[in-house]
PDB file of N, CA and C in Angstrom:
ATOM      1  N   UNK A   1     -30.948 -45.214 165.794  1.00  0.00           N
ATOM      2  CA  UNK A   1     -30.108 -46.243 166.343  1.00  0.00           C
ATOM      3  C   UNK A   1     -29.949 -45.877 167.792  1.00  0.00           C
ATOM      4  N   UNK A   2     -29.920 -46.979 168.609  1.00  0.00           N
ATOM      5  CA  UNK A   2     -29.627 -46.827 170.009  1.00  0.00           C
ATOM      6  C   UNK A   2     -28.742 -48.011 170.331  1.00  0.00           C
ATOM      7  N   UNK A   3     -27.489 -47.714 170.701  1.00  0.00           N
ATOM      8  CA  UNK A   3     -26.513 -48.831 171.067  1.00  0.00           C
ATOM      9  C   UNK A   3     -26.308 -49.741 169.815  1.00  0.00           C
ATOM     10  N   UNK A   4     -26.338 -49.189 168.562  1.00  0.00           N
ATOM     11  CA  UNK A   4     -26.129 -49.888 167.420  1.00  0.00           C
ATOM     12  C   UNK A   4     -27.332 -50.709 166.898  1.00  0.00           C
ATOM     13  N   UNK A   5     -28.382 -50.553 167.531  1.00  0.00           N
ATOM     14  CA  UNK A   5     -29.652 -51.329 167.113  1.00  0.00           C
ATOM     15  C   UNK A   5     -30.704 -50.299 166.583  1.00  0.00           C
ATOM     16  N   UNK A   6     -31.299 -50.551 165.433  1.00  0.00           N
ATOM     17  CA  UNK A   6     -32.240 -49.560 164.906  1.00  0.00           C
ATOM     18  C   UNK A   6     -33.511 -49.547 165.759  1.00  0.00           C
ATOM     19  N   UNK A   7     -33.999 -48.294 165.917  1.00  0.00           N
ATOM     20  CA  UNK A   7     -35.224 -48.032 166.741  1.00  0.00           C
ATOM     21  C   UNK A   7     -36.423 -47.814 165.849  1.00  0.00           C
ATOM     22  N   UNK A   8     -36.267 -47.054 164.813  1.00  0.00           N
ATOM     23  CA  UNK A   8     -37.288 -46.662 163.891  1.00  0.00           C
ATOM     24  C   UNK A   8     -36.726 -46.471 162.529  1.00  0.00           C
ATOM     25  N   UNK A   9     -37.422 -46.770 161.519  1.00  0.00           N
ATOM     26  CA  UNK A   9     -36.921 -46.599 160.128  1.00  0.00           C
ATOM     27  C   UNK A   9     -37.740 -47.156 159.043  1.00  0.00           C
ATOM     28  N   UNK A  10     -37.260 -47.270 157.864  1.00  0.00           N
ATOM     29  CA  UNK A  10     -37.885 -47.725 156.695  1.00  0.00           C
ATOM     30  C   UNK A  10     -37.131 -48.832 156.019  1.00  0.00           C
ATOM     31  N   UNK A  11     -37.891 -49.893 155.544  1.00  0.00           N
ATOM     32  CA  UNK A  11     -37.188 -50.866 154.843  1.00  0.00           C
ATOM     33  C   UNK A  11     -37.838 -50.946 153.370  1.00  0.00           C
ATOM     34  N   UNK A  12     -37.058 -50.980 152.381  1.00  0.00           N
ATOM     35  CA  UNK A  12     -37.576 -50.933 150.996  1.00  0.00           C
ATOM     36  C   UNK A  12     -37.675 -52.427 150.520  1.00  0.00           C
ATOM     37  N   UNK A  13     -38.892 -53.002 150.492  1.00  0.00           N
ATOM     38  CA  UNK A  13     -39.000 -54.374 150.092  1.00  0.00           C
ATOM     39  C   UNK A  13     -39.581 -54.526 148.663  1.00  0.00           C
ATOM     40  N   UNK A  14     -39.647 -55.615 148.077  1.00  0.00           N
ATOM     41  CA  UNK A  14     -40.092 -55.747 146.697  1.00  0.00           C
ATOM     42  C   UNK A  14     -41.458 -55.327 146.431  1.00  0.00           C
ATOM     43  N   UNK A  15     -42.296 -55.433 147.546  1.00  0.00           N
ATOM     44  CA  UNK A  15     -43.795 -55.112 147.370  1.00  0.00           C
ATOM     45  C   UNK A  15     -44.023 -53.732 148.123  1.00  0.00           C
ATOM     46  N   UNK A  16     -43.093 -53.012 148.419  1.00  0.00           N
ATOM     47  CA  UNK A  16     -43.145 -51.630 148.923  1.00  0.00           C
ATOM     48  C   UNK A  16     -42.467 -51.413 150.268  1.00  0.00           C
ATOM     49  N   UNK A  17     -42.634 -50.244 150.813  1.00  0.00           N
ATOM     50  CA  UNK A  17     -41.979 -49.869 151.974  1.00  0.00           C
ATOM     51  C   UNK A  17     -42.680 -50.454 153.311  1.00  0.00           C
ATOM     52  N   UNK A  18     -41.812 -50.805 154.271  1.00  0.00           N
ATOM     53  CA  UNK A  18     -42.386 -51.148 155.566  1.00  0.00           C
ATOM     54  C   UNK A  18     -41.628 -50.088 156.490  1.00  0.00           C
ATOM     55  N   UNK A  19     -42.499 -49.320 157.293  1.00  0.00           N
ATOM     56  CA  UNK A  19     -41.972 -48.247 158.080  1.00  0.00           C
ATOM     57  C   UNK A  19     -42.569 -48.372 159.495  1.00  0.00           C
ATOM     58  N   UNK A  20     -41.825 -47.934 160.402  1.00  0.00           N
ATOM     59  CA  UNK A  20     -42.239 -47.969 161.860  1.00  0.00           C
ATOM     60  C   UNK A  20     -41.121 -48.245 162.798  1.00  0.00           C
ATOM     61  N   UNK A  21     -41.451 -48.692 163.903  1.00  0.00           N
ATOM     62  CA  UNK A  21     -40.494 -48.974 165.045  1.00  0.00           C
ATOM     63  C   UNK A  21     -40.079 -50.450 164.860  1.00  0.00           C
ATOM     64  N   UNK A  22     -38.781 -50.640 165.224  1.00  0.00           N
ATOM     65  CA  UNK A  22     -38.193 -52.031 165.204  1.00  0.00           C
ATOM     66  C   UNK A  22     -38.502 -52.713 166.553  1.00  0.00           C
ATOM     67  N   UNK A  23     -38.810 -54.014 166.447  1.00  0.00           N
ATOM     68  CA  UNK A  23     -39.071 -54.782 167.612  1.00  0.00           C
ATOM     69  C   UNK A  23     -38.523 -56.238 167.379  1.00  0.00           C
ATOM     70  N   UNK A  24     -37.614 -56.639 168.254  1.00  0.00           N
ATOM     71  CA  UNK A  24     -37.072 -58.059 168.074  1.00  0.00           C
ATOM     72  C   UNK A  24     -36.371 -58.154 166.683  1.00  0.00           C
ATOM     73  N   UNK A  25     -35.686 -57.116 166.247  1.00  0.00           N
ATOM     74  CA  UNK A  25     -34.986 -57.279 164.983  1.00  0.00           C
ATOM     75  C   UNK A  25     -35.858 -57.043 163.742  1.00  0.00           C
ATOM     76  N   UNK A  26     -37.121 -56.807 163.885  1.00  0.00           N
ATOM     77  CA  UNK A  26     -37.936 -56.673 162.693  1.00  0.00           C
ATOM     78  C   UNK A  26     -38.590 -55.291 162.786  1.00  0.00           C
ATOM     79  N   UNK A  27     -39.070 -54.849 161.680  1.00  0.00           N
ATOM     80  CA  UNK A  27     -39.751 -53.589 161.604  1.00  0.00           C
ATOM     81  C   UNK A  27     -41.259 -53.812 161.293  1.00  0.00           C
ATOM     82  N   UNK A  28     -42.036 -53.242 162.129  1.00  0.00           N
ATOM     83  CA  UNK A  28     -43.508 -53.255 161.887  1.00  0.00           C
ATOM     84  C   UNK A  28     -44.134 -54.651 161.902  1.00  0.00           C
ATOM     85  N   UNK A  29     -43.519 -55.621 162.406  1.00  0.00           N
ATOM     86  CA  UNK A  29     -44.004 -56.926 162.296  1.00  0.00           C
ATOM     87  C   UNK A  29     -45.416 -57.063 162.963  1.00  0.00           C
ATOM     88  N   UNK A  30     -46.264 -57.864 162.256  1.00  0.00           N
ATOM     89  CA  UNK A  30     -47.557 -58.141 162.788  1.00  0.00           C
ATOM     90  C   UNK A  30     -48.591 -57.107 162.674  1.00  0.00           C
ATOM     91  N   UNK A  31     -48.329 -55.956 162.912  1.00  0.00           N
ATOM     92  CA  UNK A  31     -49.483 -54.886 163.055  1.00  0.00           C
ATOM     93  C   UNK A  31     -49.090 -53.643 162.261  1.00  0.00           C
ATOM     94  N   UNK A  32     -49.979 -52.966 161.675  1.00  0.00           N
ATOM     95  CA  UNK A  32     -49.679 -51.611 161.077  1.00  0.00           C
ATOM     96  C   UNK A  32     -49.326 -50.641 162.143  1.00  0.00           C
ATOM     97  N   UNK A  33     -48.171 -50.008 161.881  1.00  0.00           N
ATOM     98  CA  UNK A  33     -47.861 -48.887 162.824  1.00  0.00           C
ATOM     99  C   UNK A  33     -48.859 -47.748 162.963  1.00  0.00           C
ATOM    100  N   UNK A  34     -48.957 -47.117 164.008  1.00  0.00           N
ATOM    101  CA  UNK A  34     -49.864 -45.889 164.011  1.00  0.00           C
ATOM    102  C   UNK A  34     -49.371 -44.917 163.059  1.00  0.00           C
ATOM    103  N   UNK A  35     -50.315 -44.174 162.499  1.00  0.00           N
ATOM    104  CA  UNK A  35     -49.862 -43.228 161.342  1.00  0.00           C
ATOM    105  C   UNK A  35     -48.702 -42.167 161.681  1.00  0.00           C
ATOM    106  N   UNK A  36     -48.711 -41.683 162.899  1.00  0.00           N
ATOM    107  CA  UNK A  36     -47.703 -40.822 163.260  1.00  0.00           C
ATOM    108  C   UNK A  36     -46.407 -41.472 163.328  1.00  0.00           C
ATOM    109  N   UNK A  37     -46.324 -42.729 163.846  1.00  0.00           N
ATOM    110  CA  UNK A  37     -45.093 -43.504 163.811  1.00  0.00           C
ATOM    111  C   UNK A  37     -44.551 -43.804 162.468  1.00  0.00           C
ATOM    112  N   UNK A  38     -45.482 -44.060 161.551  1.00  0.00           N
ATOM    113  CA  UNK A  38     -45.079 -44.201 160.197  1.00  0.00           C
ATOM    114  C   UNK A  38     -44.497 -42.904 159.541  1.00  0.00           C
ATOM    115  N   UNK A  39     -45.079 -41.823 159.777  1.00  0.00           N
ATOM    116  CA  UNK A  39     -44.675 -40.573 159.289  1.00  0.00           C
ATOM    117  C   UNK A  39     -43.263 -40.251 159.893  1.00  0.00           C
ATOM    118  N   UNK A  40     -43.162 -40.459 161.191  1.00  0.00           N
ATOM    119  CA  UNK A  40     -41.873 -40.229 161.733  1.00  0.00           C
ATOM    120  C   UNK A  40     -40.734 -41.041 161.173  1.00  0.00           C
ATOM    121  N   UNK A  41     -41.104 -42.374 160.839  1.00  0.00           N
ATOM    122  CA  UNK A  41     -40.025 -43.211 160.311  1.00  0.00           C
ATOM    123  C   UNK A  41     -39.593 -42.802 158.911  1.00  0.00           C
ATOM    124  N   UNK A  42     -40.604 -42.292 158.182  1.00  0.00           N
ATOM    125  CA  UNK A  42     -40.177 -41.781 156.802  1.00  0.00           C
ATOM    126  C   UNK A  42     -39.303 -40.541 156.889  1.00  0.00           C
ATOM    127  N   UNK A  43     -39.711 -39.655 157.790  1.00  0.00           N
ATOM    128  CA  UNK A  43     -38.966 -38.375 158.038  1.00  0.00           C
ATOM    129  C   UNK A  43     -37.476 -38.689 158.496  1.00  0.00           C
ATOM    130  N   UNK A  44     -37.424 -39.530 159.409  1.00  0.00           N
ATOM    131  CA  UNK A  44     -36.043 -39.899 159.921  1.00  0.00           C
ATOM    132  C   UNK A  44     -35.213 -40.491 158.836  1.00  0.00           C
ATOM    133  N   UNK A  45     -35.890 -41.526 158.018  1.00  0.00           N
ATOM    134  CA  UNK A  45     -35.215 -42.057 156.925  1.00  0.00           C
ATOM    135  C   UNK A  45     -34.691 -41.139 155.846  1.00  0.00           C
ATOM    136  N   UNK A  46     -35.576 -40.040 155.586  1.00  0.00           N
ATOM    137  CA  UNK A  46     -35.239 -39.019 154.711  1.00  0.00           C
ATOM    138  C   UNK A  46     -34.075 -38.161 155.222  1.00  0.00           C
ATOM    139  N   UNK A  47     -34.096 -37.942 156.454  1.00  0.00           N
ATOM    140  CA  UNK A  47     -32.914 -37.087 157.036  1.00  0.00           C
ATOM    141  C   UNK A  47     -31.631 -37.972 156.986  1.00  0.00           C
ATOM    142  N   UNK A  48     -31.736 -39.234 157.227  1.00  0.00           N
ATOM    143  CA  UNK A  48     -30.472 -40.086 157.114  1.00  0.00           C
ATOM    144  C   UNK A  48     -29.995 -40.126 155.672  1.00  0.00           C
ATOM    145  N   UNK A  49     -30.934 -40.178 154.761  1.00  0.00           N
ATOM    146  CA  UNK A  49     -30.459 -40.235 153.327  1.00  0.00           C
ATOM    147  C   UNK A  49     -29.786 -38.824 153.014  1.00  0.00           C
ATOM    148  N   UNK A  50     -30.311 -37.780 153.455  1.00  0.00           N
ATOM    149  CA  UNK A  50     -29.654 -36.550 153.283  1.00  0.00           C
ATOM    150  C   UNK A  50     -28.393 -36.422 153.921  1.00  0.00           C
ATOM    151  N   UNK A  51     -28.185 -36.888 155.030  1.00  0.00           N
ATOM    152  CA  UNK A  51     -26.812 -36.977 155.712  1.00  0.00           C
ATOM    153  C   UNK A  51     -25.847 -37.733 154.876  1.00  0.00           C
ATOM    154  N   UNK A  52     -26.271 -38.937 154.372  1.00  0.00           N
ATOM    155  CA  UNK A  52     -25.362 -39.639 153.502  1.00  0.00           C
ATOM    156  C   UNK A  52     -24.945 -38.917 152.243  1.00  0.00           C
ATOM    157  N   UNK A  53     -26.035 -38.226 151.632  1.00  0.00           N
ATOM    158  CA  UNK A  53     -25.762 -37.456 150.493  1.00  0.00           C
ATOM    159  C   UNK A  53     -24.756 -36.355 150.737  1.00  0.00           C
ATOM    160  N   UNK A  54     -24.873 -35.634 151.881  1.00  0.00           N
ATOM    161  CA  UNK A  54     -23.957 -34.497 152.253  1.00  0.00           C
ATOM    162  C   UNK A  54     -22.527 -35.106 152.401  1.00  0.00           C
ATOM    163  N   UNK A  55     -22.400 -36.384 153.047  1.00  0.00           N
ATOM    164  CA  UNK A  55     -21.063 -36.925 153.195  1.00  0.00           C
ATOM    165  C   UNK A  55     -20.426 -37.237 151.834  1.00  0.00           C
ATOM    166  N   UNK A  56     -21.251 -37.760 150.960  1.00  0.00           N
ATOM    167  CA  UNK A  56     -20.714 -38.057 149.574  1.00  0.00           C
ATOM    168  C   UNK A  56     -20.339 -36.771 148.809  1.00  0.00           C
ATOM    169  N   UNK A  57     -21.210 -35.738 148.985  1.00  0.00           N
ATOM    170  CA  UNK A  57     -20.943 -34.487 148.379  1.00  0.00           C
ATOM    171  C   UNK A  57     -19.525 -33.926 148.843  1.00  0.00           C
ATOM    172  N   UNK A  58     -19.242 -34.027 150.155  1.00  0.00           N
ATOM    173  CA  UNK A  58     -18.121 -33.518 150.759  1.00  0.00           C
ATOM    174  C   UNK A  58     -16.912 -34.351 150.283  1.00  0.00           C
ATOM    175  N   UNK A  59     -17.085 -35.594 149.709  1.00  0.00           N
ATOM    176  CA  UNK A  59     -15.980 -36.360 149.306  1.00  0.00           C
ATOM    177  C   UNK A  59     -15.910 -36.194 147.728  1.00  0.00           C
ATOM    178  N   UNK A  60     -16.688 -35.226 147.197  1.00  0.00           N
ATOM    179  CA  UNK A  60     -16.769 -35.083 145.695  1.00  0.00           C
ATOM    180  C   UNK A  60     -17.229 -36.242 144.915  1.00  0.00           C
ATOM    181  N   UNK A  61     -18.157 -36.988 145.475  1.00  0.00           N
ATOM    182  CA  UNK A  61     -18.733 -38.143 144.844  1.00  0.00           C
ATOM    183  C   UNK A  61     -20.133 -37.757 144.420  1.00  0.00           C
ATOM    184  N   UNK A  62     -20.254 -36.981 143.381  1.00  0.00           N
ATOM    185  CA  UNK A  62     -21.495 -36.447 142.921  1.00  0.00           C
ATOM    186  C   UNK A  62     -22.596 -37.464 142.575  1.00  0.00           C
ATOM    187  N   UNK A  63     -22.214 -38.559 142.043  1.00  0.00           N
ATOM    188  CA  UNK A  63     -23.136 -39.576 141.677  1.00  0.00           C
ATOM    189  C   UNK A  63     -23.877 -40.220 142.926  1.00  0.00           C
ATOM    190  N   UNK A  64     -23.129 -40.562 143.907  1.00  0.00           N
ATOM    191  CA  UNK A  64     -23.754 -41.096 145.112  1.00  0.00           C
ATOM    192  C   UNK A  64     -24.418 -40.086 145.895  1.00  0.00           C
ATOM    193  N   UNK A  65     -23.924 -38.782 145.911  1.00  0.00           N
ATOM    194  CA  UNK A  65     -24.665 -37.693 146.517  1.00  0.00           C
ATOM    195  C   UNK A  65     -26.048 -37.496 145.895  1.00  0.00           C
ATOM    196  N   UNK A  66     -26.039 -37.443 144.577  1.00  0.00           N
ATOM    197  CA  UNK A  66     -27.289 -37.287 143.937  1.00  0.00           C
ATOM    198  C   UNK A  66     -28.232 -38.496 144.187  1.00  0.00           C
ATOM    199  N   UNK A  67     -27.763 -39.704 144.147  1.00  0.00           N
ATOM    200  CA  UNK A  67     -28.662 -40.876 144.479  1.00  0.00           C
ATOM    201  C   UNK A  67     -29.243 -40.783 145.761  1.00  0.00           C
ATOM    202  N   UNK A  68     -28.544 -40.470 146.785  1.00  0.00           N
ATOM    203  CA  UNK A  68     -29.111 -40.304 148.165  1.00  0.00           C
ATOM    204  C   UNK A  68     -30.018 -39.082 148.276  1.00  0.00           C
ATOM    205  N   UNK A  69     -29.788 -38.017 147.631  1.00  0.00           N
ATOM    206  CA  UNK A  69     -30.718 -36.914 147.704  1.00  0.00           C
ATOM    207  C   UNK A  69     -32.070 -37.252 146.958  1.00  0.00           C
ATOM    208  N   UNK A  70     -31.906 -37.986 145.871  1.00  0.00           N
ATOM    209  CA  UNK A  70     -33.215 -38.585 145.340  1.00  0.00           C
ATOM    210  C   UNK A  70     -33.978 -39.475 146.152  1.00  0.00           C
ATOM    211  N   UNK A  71     -33.219 -40.283 146.884  1.00  0.00           N
ATOM    212  CA  UNK A  71     -33.823 -41.281 147.823  1.00  0.00           C
ATOM    213  C   UNK A  71     -34.577 -40.488 149.018  1.00  0.00           C
ATOM    214  N   UNK A  72     -33.991 -39.411 149.391  1.00  0.00           N
ATOM    215  CA  UNK A  72     -34.575 -38.601 150.544  1.00  0.00           C
ATOM    216  C   UNK A  72     -35.891 -37.972 149.954  1.00  0.00           C
ATOM    217  N   UNK A  73     -35.944 -37.477 148.785  1.00  0.00           N
ATOM    218  CA  UNK A  73     -37.101 -36.858 148.199  1.00  0.00           C
ATOM    219  C   UNK A  73     -38.200 -37.924 148.042  1.00  0.00           C
ATOM    220  N   UNK A  74     -37.794 -39.192 147.600  1.00  0.00           N
ATOM    221  CA  UNK A  74     -38.728 -40.210 147.466  1.00  0.00           C
ATOM    222  C   UNK A  74     -39.416 -40.639 148.802  1.00  0.00           C
ATOM    223  N   UNK A  75     -38.546 -40.670 149.827  1.00  0.00           N
ATOM    224  CA  UNK A  75     -39.059 -41.062 151.102  1.00  0.00           C
ATOM    225  C   UNK A  75     -39.991 -39.977 151.771  1.00  0.00           C
ATOM    226  N   UNK A  76     -39.591 -38.719 151.486  1.00  0.00           N
ATOM    227  CA  UNK A  76     -40.431 -37.627 151.910  1.00  0.00           C
ATOM    228  C   UNK A  76     -41.864 -37.596 151.254  1.00  0.00           C
ATOM    229  N   UNK A  77     -41.861 -38.057 150.061  1.00  0.00           N
ATOM    230  CA  UNK A  77     -43.161 -38.116 149.313  1.00  0.00           C
ATOM    231  C   UNK A  77     -44.152 -39.189 149.990  1.00  0.00           C
ATOM    232  N   UNK A  78     -43.580 -40.142 150.675  1.00  0.00           N
ATOM    233  CA  UNK A  78     -44.390 -41.189 151.264  1.00  0.00           C
ATOM    234  C   UNK A  78     -45.261 -40.636 152.405  1.00  0.00           C
ATOM    235  N   UNK A  79     -44.909 -39.400 152.912  1.00  0.00           N
ATOM    236  CA  UNK A  79     -45.628 -38.854 154.094  1.00  0.00           C
ATOM    237  C   UNK A  79     -46.821 -37.978 153.735  1.00  0.00           C
ATOM    238  N   UNK A  80     -46.839 -37.651 152.371  1.00  0.00           N
ATOM    239  CA  UNK A  80     -47.978 -36.744 151.851  1.00  0.00           C
ATOM    240  C   UNK A  80     -49.279 -37.529 151.589  1.00  0.00           C
TER     241      UNK A  80
END
């Protein structure tokens, strides 16, 4: 995020993930992102999911912490 606007990330759509840099409020619109940009997007998304997991763990919300930890693992698998 920069000034509250997403810069790079991952969106989970019905037909799969869309990952890359945001432009004009959309992610990866029009063209496939370069492979490194896609990898970076998944890594950043996984880090964000882990941060949310840690926040929930700190609040003793084990269910949500587990959900976000599993999401982080799923996102990391997309880079392999």
